[in-house]
C-alpha atoms as a PDB file:
ATOM      1  CA  MET A   1      74.420  97.819  88.812  1.00  0.00           C
ATOM      2  CA  ASN A   2      74.306  94.778  91.026  1.00  0.00           C
ATOM      3  CA  ALA A   3      74.868  95.051  94.755  1.00  0.00           C
ATOM      4  CA  VAL A   4      78.569  95.356  95.525  1.00  0.00           C
ATOM      5  CA  ALA A   5      80.247  93.018  97.992  1.00  0.00           C
ATOM      6  CA  THR A   6      81.918  94.268 101.135  1.00  0.00           C
ATOM      7  CA  ALA A   7      85.621  93.513 101.456  1.00  0.00           C
ATOM      8  CA  PRO A   8      86.360  90.914 104.156  1.00  0.00           C
ATOM      9  CA  ARG A   9      87.764  92.518 107.276  1.00  0.00           C
ATOM     10  CA  MET A  10      91.117  91.386 108.593  1.00  0.00           C
ATOM     11  CA  SER A  11      90.314  90.803 112.276  1.00  0.00           C
ATOM     12  CA  ASP A  12      92.547  89.916 115.204  1.00  0.00           C
ATOM     13  CA  VAL A  13      91.029  86.435 115.258  1.00  0.00           C
ATOM     14  CA  ALA A  14      92.376  83.615 113.093  1.00  0.00           C
ATOM     15  CA  HIS A  15      89.778  82.371 110.623  1.00  0.00           C
ATOM     16  CA  GLU A  16      89.205  80.886 107.186  1.00  0.00           C
ATOM     17  CA  HIS A  17      87.854  83.042 104.381  1.00  0.00           C
ATOM     18  CA  ARG A  18      85.861  81.161 101.773  1.00  0.00           C
ATOM     19  CA  GLY A  19      84.194  83.390  99.174  1.00  0.00           C
ATOM     20  CA  ASP A  20      80.672  82.594  98.055  1.00  0.00           C
ATOM     21  CA  LEU A  21      81.892  82.225  94.438  1.00  0.00           C
ATOM     22  CA  TYR A  22      84.912  80.057  95.291  1.00  0.00           C
ATOM     23  CA  ARG A  23      84.971  76.575  93.731  1.00  0.00           C
ATOM     24  CA  GLU A  24      87.221  73.897  95.197  1.00  0.00           C
ATOM     25  CA  GLY A  25      89.672  72.437  92.679  1.00  0.00           C
ATOM     26  CA  GLU A  26      88.627  74.695  89.806  1.00  0.00           C
ATOM     27  CA  ASP A  27      91.106  75.167  86.982  1.00  0.00           C
ATOM     28  CA  PRO A  28      92.711  78.669  87.252  1.00  0.00           C
ATOM     29  CA  THR A  29      91.796  79.382  83.620  1.00  0.00           C
ATOM     30  CA  ASP A  30      88.139  78.749  84.378  1.00  0.00           C
ATOM     31  CA  THR A  31      88.328  80.902  87.517  1.00  0.00           C
ATOM     32  CA  ALA A  32      89.799  83.787  85.515  1.00  0.00           C
ATOM     33  CA  ARG A  33      87.072  83.390  82.915  1.00  0.00           C
ATOM     34  CA  ARG A  34      84.354  83.518  85.587  1.00  0.00           C
ATOM     35  CA  ILE A  35      85.962  86.552  87.217  1.00  0.00           C
ATOM     36  CA  ARG A  36      86.078  88.453  83.931  1.00  0.00           C
ATOM     37  CA  ALA A  37      82.402  87.710  83.253  1.00  0.00           C
ATOM     38  CA  HIS A  38      81.443  88.608  86.813  1.00  0.00           C
ATOM     39  CA  LEU A  39      83.259  91.948  86.779  1.00  0.00           C
ATOM     40  CA  ARG A  40      81.628  92.788  83.453  1.00  0.00           C
ATOM     41  CA  GLU A  41      78.222  92.176  85.003  1.00  0.00           C
ATOM     42  CA  ALA A  42      78.951  93.842  88.358  1.00  0.00           C
ATOM     43  CA  PHE A  43      80.552  96.934  86.814  1.00  0.00           C
ATOM     44  CA  PRO A  44      79.258  97.287  83.233  1.00  0.00           C
ATOM     45  CA  LYS A  45      80.918 100.701  82.795  1.00  0.00           C
ATOM     46  CA  MET A  46      84.344  99.477  83.895  1.00  0.00           C
ATOM     47  CA  THR A  47      87.178  98.557  81.528  1.00  0.00           C
ATOM     48  CA  VAL A  48      90.069  96.428  82.752  1.00  0.00           C
ATOM     49  CA  ALA A  49      93.127  94.565  81.564  1.00  0.00           C
ATOM     50  CA  MET A  50      93.777  91.247  83.290  1.00  0.00           C
ATOM     51  CA  ARG A  51      97.064  89.397  83.594  1.00  0.00           C
ATOM     52  CA  ARG A  52      97.746  85.979  85.117  1.00  0.00           C
ATOM     53  CA  ALA A  53     101.033  84.838  86.635  1.00  0.00           C
ATOM     54  CA  ARG A  54     102.373  81.838  88.503  1.00  0.00           C
ATOM     55  CA  GLY A  55     103.587  82.590  92.032  1.00  0.00           C
ATOM     56  CA  ALA A  56     105.641  80.549  94.470  1.00  0.00           C
ATOM     57  CA  ASN A  57     102.608  79.235  96.346  1.00  0.00           C
ATOM     58  CA  CYS A  58      99.607  79.961  94.124  1.00  0.00           C
ATOM     59  CA  ARG A  59      98.404  81.488  90.888  1.00  0.00           C
ATOM     60  CA  HIS A  60      97.979  85.257  90.695  1.00  0.00           C
ATOM     61  CA  LEU A  61      95.532  87.456  88.840  1.00  0.00           C
ATOM     62  CA  PHE A  62      96.269  91.163  88.355  1.00  0.00           C
ATOM     63  CA  VAL A  63      93.531  93.577  87.308  1.00  0.00           C
ATOM     64  CA  SER A  64      94.511  96.970  85.865  1.00  0.00           C
ATOM     65  CA  ILE A  65      91.535  99.357  85.788  1.00  0.00           C
ATOM     66  CA  THR A  66      91.493 101.749  82.839  1.00  0.00           C
ATOM     67  CA  ARG A  67      87.948 103.141  83.122  1.00  0.00           C
ATOM     68  CA  PHE A  68      85.163 103.140  85.700  1.00  0.00           C
ATOM     69  CA  GLY A  69      82.154 105.023  84.379  1.00  0.00           C
ATOM     70  CA  THR A  70      82.687 108.769  84.801  1.00  0.00           C
ATOM     71  CA  ALA A  71      85.054 108.411  87.786  1.00  0.00           C
ATOM     72  CA  ASP A  72      88.275 110.413  87.499  1.00  0.00           C
ATOM     73  CA  LEU A  73      90.753 107.620  88.090  1.00  0.00           C
ATOM     74  CA  SER A  74      93.685 110.032  87.893  1.00  0.00           C
ATOM     75  CA  ASP A  75      92.518 111.246  91.328  1.00  0.00           C
ATOM     76  CA  ARG A  76      94.144 108.973  93.898  1.00  0.00           C
ATOM     77  CA  SER A  77      91.230 108.983  96.342  1.00  0.00           C
ATOM     78  CA  ALA A  78      88.774 108.072  93.590  1.00  0.00           C
ATOM     79  CA  GLY A  79      91.091 105.361  92.313  1.00  0.00           C
ATOM     80  CA  PHE A  80      91.537 103.942  95.807  1.00  0.00           C
ATOM     81  CA  ALA A  81      87.753 103.734  96.284  1.00  0.00           C
ATOM     82  CA  VAL A  82      87.279 101.970  92.934  1.00  0.00           C
ATOM     83  CA  ARG A  83      90.055  99.486  93.713  1.00  0.00           C
ATOM     84  CA  GLY A  84      88.308  98.703  96.993  1.00  0.00           C
ATOM     85  CA  LEU A  85      85.107  97.825  95.151  1.00  0.00           C
ATOM     86  CA  VAL A  86      86.927  95.532  92.727  1.00  0.00           C
ATOM     87  CA  ASP A  87      89.018  93.944  95.487  1.00  0.00           C
ATOM     88  CA  ALA A  88      85.814  93.050  97.326  1.00  0.00           C
ATOM     89  CA  GLU A  89      84.428  91.262  94.269  1.00  0.00           C
ATOM     90  CA  LEU A  90      87.693  89.385  93.691  1.00  0.00           C
ATOM     91  CA  ALA A  91      87.638  88.179  97.304  1.00  0.00           C
ATOM     92  CA  ARG A  92      84.412  86.328  96.561  1.00  0.00           C
ATOM     93  CA  PHE A  93      86.376  83.929  94.319  1.00  0.00           C
ATOM     94  CA  LYS A  94      89.098  83.173  96.874  1.00  0.00           C
ATOM     95  CA  ARG A  95      89.823  80.935  99.806  1.00  0.00           C
ATOM     96  CA  TYR A  96      92.559  81.631 102.350  1.00  0.00           C
ATOM     97  CA  ASP A  97      93.491  81.306 106.015  1.00  0.00           C
ATOM     98  CA  TRP A  98      93.908  84.485 108.028  1.00  0.00           C
ATOM     99  CA  ASP A  99      96.376  84.604 110.907  1.00  0.00           C
ATOM    100  CA  PRO A 100      96.605  87.959 112.736  1.00  0.00           C
ATOM    101  CA  LEU A 101     100.317  87.385 113.420  1.00  0.00           C
ATOM    102  CA  ILE A 102     101.289  86.239 109.922  1.00  0.00           C
ATOM    103  CA  GLY A 103      98.607  87.509 107.591  1.00  0.00           C
ATOM    104  CA  VAL A 104      97.139  85.645 104.637  1.00  0.00           C
ATOM    105  CA  ARG A 105      98.211  82.007 104.280  1.00  0.00           C
ATOM    106  CA  ASN A 106      97.296  79.109 101.991  1.00  0.00           C
ATOM    107  CA  GLN A 107      95.358  81.248  99.547  1.00  0.00           C
ATOM    108  CA  SER A 108      93.824  79.656  96.493  1.00  0.00           C
ATOM    109  CA  LEU A 109      94.394  82.693  94.287  1.00  0.00           C
ATOM    110  CA  GLY A 110      96.482  85.811  94.751  1.00  0.00           C
ATOM    111  CA  THR A 111      94.873  88.954  93.370  1.00  0.00           C
ATOM    112  CA  GLY A 112      95.923  92.550  92.933  1.00  0.00           C
ATOM    113  CA  THR A 113      94.257  95.657  91.528  1.00  0.00           C
ATOM    114  CA  SER A 114      95.764  98.853  90.185  1.00  0.00           C
ATOM    115  CA  ILE A 115      94.790 101.954  88.289  1.00  0.00           C
ATOM    116  CA  ASP A 116      96.415 102.169  84.871  1.00  0.00           C
ATOM    117  CA  PRO A 117      99.480 104.376  85.509  1.00  0.00           C
ATOM    118  CA  VAL A 118      98.927 106.116  82.169  1.00  0.00           C
ATOM    119  CA  LEU A 119      95.902 107.848  83.712  1.00  0.00           C
ATOM    120  CA  HIS A 120      98.030 109.270  86.534  1.00  0.00           C
ATOM    121  CA  ALA A 121     100.895 110.152  84.224  1.00  0.00           C
ATOM    122  CA  ALA A 122      98.684 112.106  81.827  1.00  0.00           C
ATOM    123  CA  ALA A 123      97.385 114.259  84.705  1.00  0.00           C
ATOM    124  CA  LEU A 124     100.785 114.837  86.328  1.00  0.00           C
ATOM    125  CA  ASP A 125     101.848 118.481  86.729  1.00  0.00           C
ATOM    126  CA  GLY A 126     105.344 119.938  86.834  1.00  0.00           C
ATOM    127  CA  VAL A 127     106.980 117.315  84.634  1.00  0.00           C
ATOM    128  CA  PRO A 128     109.893 118.515  82.443  1.00  0.00           C
ATOM    129  CA  ASP A 129     108.821 118.842  78.816  1.00  0.00           C
ATOM    130  CA  LEU A 130     111.072 116.696  76.620  1.00  0.00           C
ATOM    131  CA  LYS A 131     110.988 116.601  72.841  1.00  0.00           C
ATOM    132  CA  PRO A 132     109.742 113.084  71.965  1.00  0.00           C
ATOM    133  CA  LEU A 133     112.742 112.153  69.838  1.00  0.00           C
ATOM    134  CA  VAL A 134     113.086 108.585  71.144  1.00  0.00           C
ATOM    135  CA  SER A 135     110.027 106.362  71.517  1.00  0.00           C
ATOM    136  CA  PHE A 136     109.576 103.884  74.325  1.00  0.00           C
ATOM    137  CA  ALA A 137     110.008 100.989  71.882  1.00  0.00           C
ATOM    138  CA  GLU A 138     113.243 102.514  70.563  1.00  0.00           C
ATOM    139  CA  PHE A 139     114.546 103.060  74.104  1.00  0.00           C
ATOM    140  CA  THR A 140     113.927  99.459  75.148  1.00  0.00           C
ATOM    141  CA  ARG A 141     115.465  98.278  71.879  1.00  0.00           C
ATOM    142  CA  THR A 142     118.629 100.425  71.952  1.00  0.00           C
ATOM    143  CA  ALA A 143     119.441 100.675  75.667  1.00  0.00           C
ATOM    144  CA  ARG A 144     122.220  98.247  76.514  1.00  0.00           C
ATOM    145  CA  ALA A 145     123.685  96.594  79.571  1.00  0.00           C
ATOM    146  CA  GLY A 146     126.376  98.982  80.779  1.00  0.00           C
ATOM    147  CA  ASP A 147     124.424 102.154  80.000  1.00  0.00           C
ATOM    148  CA  VAL A 148     124.096 104.473  82.996  1.00  0.00           C
ATOM    149  CA  LEU A 149     121.013 106.382  84.154  1.00  0.00           C
ATOM    150  CA  GLU A 150     121.937 109.446  86.226  1.00  0.00           C
ATOM    151  CA  HIS A 151     119.328 111.251  88.331  1.00  0.00           C
ATOM    152  CA  VAL A 152     118.564 114.844  87.299  1.00  0.00           C
ATOM    153  CA  SER A 153     115.276 115.724  89.014  1.00  0.00           C
ATOM    154  CA  GLY A 154     112.122 114.227  90.463  1.00  0.00           C
ATOM    155  CA  ARG A 155     112.170 111.002  92.437  1.00  0.00           C
ATOM    156  CA  VAL A 156     115.600 109.594  93.210  1.00  0.00           C
ATOM    157  CA  PRO A 157     115.867 105.849  92.499  1.00  0.00           C
ATOM    158  CA  SER A 158     115.939 103.865  95.739  1.00  0.00           C
ATOM    159  CA  ARG A 159     119.242 102.231  94.755  1.00  0.00           C
ATOM    160  CA  GLY A 160     121.004 105.603  94.292  1.00  0.00           C
ATOM    161  CA  PRO A 161     121.377 108.528  91.881  1.00  0.00           C
ATOM    162  CA  ARG A 162     123.542 106.656  89.350  1.00  0.00           C
ATOM    163  CA  LEU A 163     122.402 103.281  88.104  1.00  0.00           C
ATOM    164  CA  MET A 164     123.861 100.908  85.544  1.00  0.00           C
ATOM    165  CA  ILE A 165     121.479  98.975  83.335  1.00  0.00           C
ATOM    166  CA  THR A 166     122.033  95.220  83.484  1.00  0.00           C
ATOM    167  CA  ALA A 167     118.967  94.121  81.479  1.00  0.00           C
ATOM    168  CA  ILE A 168     115.929  95.693  79.831  1.00  0.00           C
ATOM    169  CA  SER A 169     112.686  94.489  78.249  1.00  0.00           C
ATOM    170  CA  ALA A 170     109.402  96.057  77.226  1.00  0.00           C
ATOM    171  CA  ARG A 171     108.104  95.612  80.799  1.00  0.00           C
ATOM    172  CA  ARG A 172     111.103  95.561  83.157  1.00  0.00           C
ATOM    173  CA  LEU A 173     114.275  97.532  83.713  1.00  0.00           C
ATOM    174  CA  THR A 174     116.998  95.857  85.752  1.00  0.00           C
ATOM    175  CA  THR A 175     119.750  98.001  87.272  1.00  0.00           C
ATOM    176  CA  ARG A 176     122.395  98.126  89.968  1.00  0.00           C
ATOM    177  CA  PRO A 177     124.285 101.062  91.540  1.00  0.00           C
ATOM    178  CA  ALA A 178     126.892 102.295  89.065  1.00  0.00           C
ATOM    179  CA  ASP A 179     129.443 103.763  91.487  1.00  0.00           C
ATOM    180  CA  THR A 180     129.764 100.942  93.996  1.00  0.00           C
ATOM    181  CA  ALA A 181     132.602  98.449  93.721  1.00  0.00           C
ATOM    182  CA  ASN A 182     130.482  95.706  95.251  1.00  0.00           C
ATOM    183  CA  ALA A 183     126.972  96.674  94.197  1.00  0.00           C
ATOM    184  CA  GLY A 184     125.258  93.478  95.304  1.00  0.00           C
ATOM    185  CA  SER A 185     122.230  92.071  93.557  1.00  0.00           C
ATOM    186  CA  ALA A 186     120.430  93.939  90.813  1.00  0.00           C
ATOM    187  CA  SER A 187     116.856  95.182  91.200  1.00  0.00           C
ATOM    188  CA  ARG A 188     113.996  95.366  88.730  1.00  0.00           C
ATOM    189  CA  VAL A 189     111.352  98.052  88.254  1.00  0.00           C
ATOM    190  CA  PRO A 190     108.308  98.055  85.948  1.00  0.00           C
ATOM    191  CA  ILE A 191     108.406 100.391  82.971  1.00  0.00           C
ATOM    192  CA  GLN A 192     105.666 101.463  80.605  1.00  0.00           C
ATOM    193  CA  GLY A 193     105.319 103.520  77.446  1.00  0.00           C
ATOM    194  CA  GLY A 194     102.648 105.969  76.336  1.00  0.00           C
ATOM    195  CA  ALA A 195     102.121 108.882  78.700  1.00  0.00           C
ATOM    196  CA  CYS A 196     104.439 107.196  81.226  1.00  0.00           C
ATOM    197  CA  PHE A 197     107.589 107.742  79.183  1.00  0.00           C
ATOM    198  CA  ALA A 198     109.430 110.484  77.322  1.00  0.00           C
ATOM    199  CA  SER A 199     112.958 110.841  75.969  1.00  0.00           C
ATOM    200  CA  ASP A 200     114.853 113.292  73.805  1.00  0.00           C
ATOM    201  CA  GLY A 201     117.771 110.901  73.417  1.00  0.00           C
ATOM    202  CA  ASP A 202     119.810 112.546  76.165  1.00  0.00           C
ATOM    203  CA  LEU A 203     117.281 112.556  79.006  1.00  0.00           C
ATOM    204  CA  VAL A 204     114.738 109.899  79.943  1.00  0.00           C
ATOM    205  CA  CYS A 205     111.621 110.609  82.013  1.00  0.00           C
ATOM    206  CA  PHE A 206     109.585 107.891  83.720  1.00  0.00           C
ATOM    207  CA  LYS A 207     106.163 108.966  84.988  1.00  0.00           C
ATOM    208  CA  HIS A 208     104.279 106.651  87.352  1.00  0.00           C
ATOM    209  CA  SER A 209     106.459 103.783  86.180  1.00  0.00           C
ATOM    210  CA  GLY A 210     110.083 102.817  86.469  1.00  0.00           C
ATOM    211  CA  PHE A 211     111.700 104.575  89.426  1.00  0.00           C
ATOM    212  CA  ALA A 212     108.537 106.639  89.922  1.00  0.00           C
ATOM    213  CA  HIS A 213     106.094 103.736  90.009  1.00  0.00           C
ATOM    214  CA  GLN A 214     104.801 104.928  93.398  1.00  0.00           C
ATOM    215  CA  GLY A 215     103.862 108.285  91.871  1.00  0.00           C
ATOM    216  CA  GLY A 216     105.434 111.408  90.396  1.00  0.00           C
ATOM    217  CA  TYR A 217     108.259 111.335  87.879  1.00  0.00           C
ATOM    218  CA  SER A 218     111.960 110.570  87.664  1.00  0.00           C
ATOM    219  CA  LEU A 219     114.134 112.431  85.148  1.00  0.00           C
ATOM    220  CA  LEU A 220     117.450 110.746  84.347  1.00  0.00           C
ATOM    221  CA  ARG A 221     120.364 111.411  82.029  1.00  0.00           C
ATOM    222  CA  TRP A 222     120.941 108.472  79.696  1.00  0.00           C
ATOM    223  CA  ILE A 223     124.695 107.880  79.415  1.00  0.00           C
ATOM    224  CA  ARG A 224     125.181 105.289  76.729  1.00  0.00           C
ATOM    225  CA  THR A 225     128.126 102.979  76.269  1.00  0.00           C
ATOM    226  CA  PRO A 226     130.254 103.526  73.142  1.00  0.00           C
ATOM    227  CA  GLU A 227     128.973 100.205  71.768  1.00  0.00           C
ATOM    228  CA  ALA A 228     125.363 101.300  72.129  1.00  0.00           C
ATOM    229  CA  ILE A 229     126.040 104.670  70.479  1.00  0.00           C
ATOM    230  CA  SER A 230     127.745 103.064  67.483  1.00  0.00           C
ATOM    231  CA  LYS A 231     124.723 100.774  66.917  1.00  0.00           C
ATOM    232  CA  SER A 232     122.077 103.508  67.267  1.00  0.00           C
END
C-alpha cells in the first residue's frame, strides 16, 4: 500500500490549503475520476460507493465505504480510523481557505466520508425482531402523505413521537409533527433498505437510517390513512 497522507490540521491561524493533487479549473467530473483511481491505488482492498451532488457554493463528493481489507467497519472506532485515512487522501484534491473563527471557506470541492450503515445495522443488538412482511421497496411505494409514524421504542425522532409523512422516496422521508396545529416546516431524513429496514406491515423499524441515522434503531407504528389502506 502506498504511503497514506496526513489530514491537514485545522490551526488557530488563517491559511490556505492547497492539496498536492489539486488542479485549478479542473472539470468536477475529471476530478471525481482521478479521485476514484487514486483511492483504488492507495487502498486496493477498499470498496466504496461514490456520489456527486451540487451544493450552494461548490460541488460535493460523498464516499460511502463498504469494505476496507479485513477491518471490522461495524466497529465505530475502526470505522472512524478508516474514514480519517480516506479523508486525508480526499484533502489532497482540494483547495480551501481556513479561518479559525468561521471555518472552511471558498472550497473547491466539498467531500464527506461515511461507513455504509448496512454494516452497522447488521451488527446491531437488541433490535425488535419483525416478520419481514413488507419490503423496503413496498413501504416506499405504498406509504402516503398523511400516514402517521408513532414511536414505540428505540430512538425518538427529534421532531417528536408522532410524525406525519408529507413525502417519501427511495432515499428520503419527509415528515412533520402530527399533533401540532402549527407544525412549521417539514424535515427530511435519509432512509435505506437492506439490513437497515424491517416492517411487518404494522410496525416499521429503521436501523442506522431514518430517525436512527446517528446510530441504534427506531421502532414506529405505521398508521396508514384510509386511502392508503384501500390501495394496498
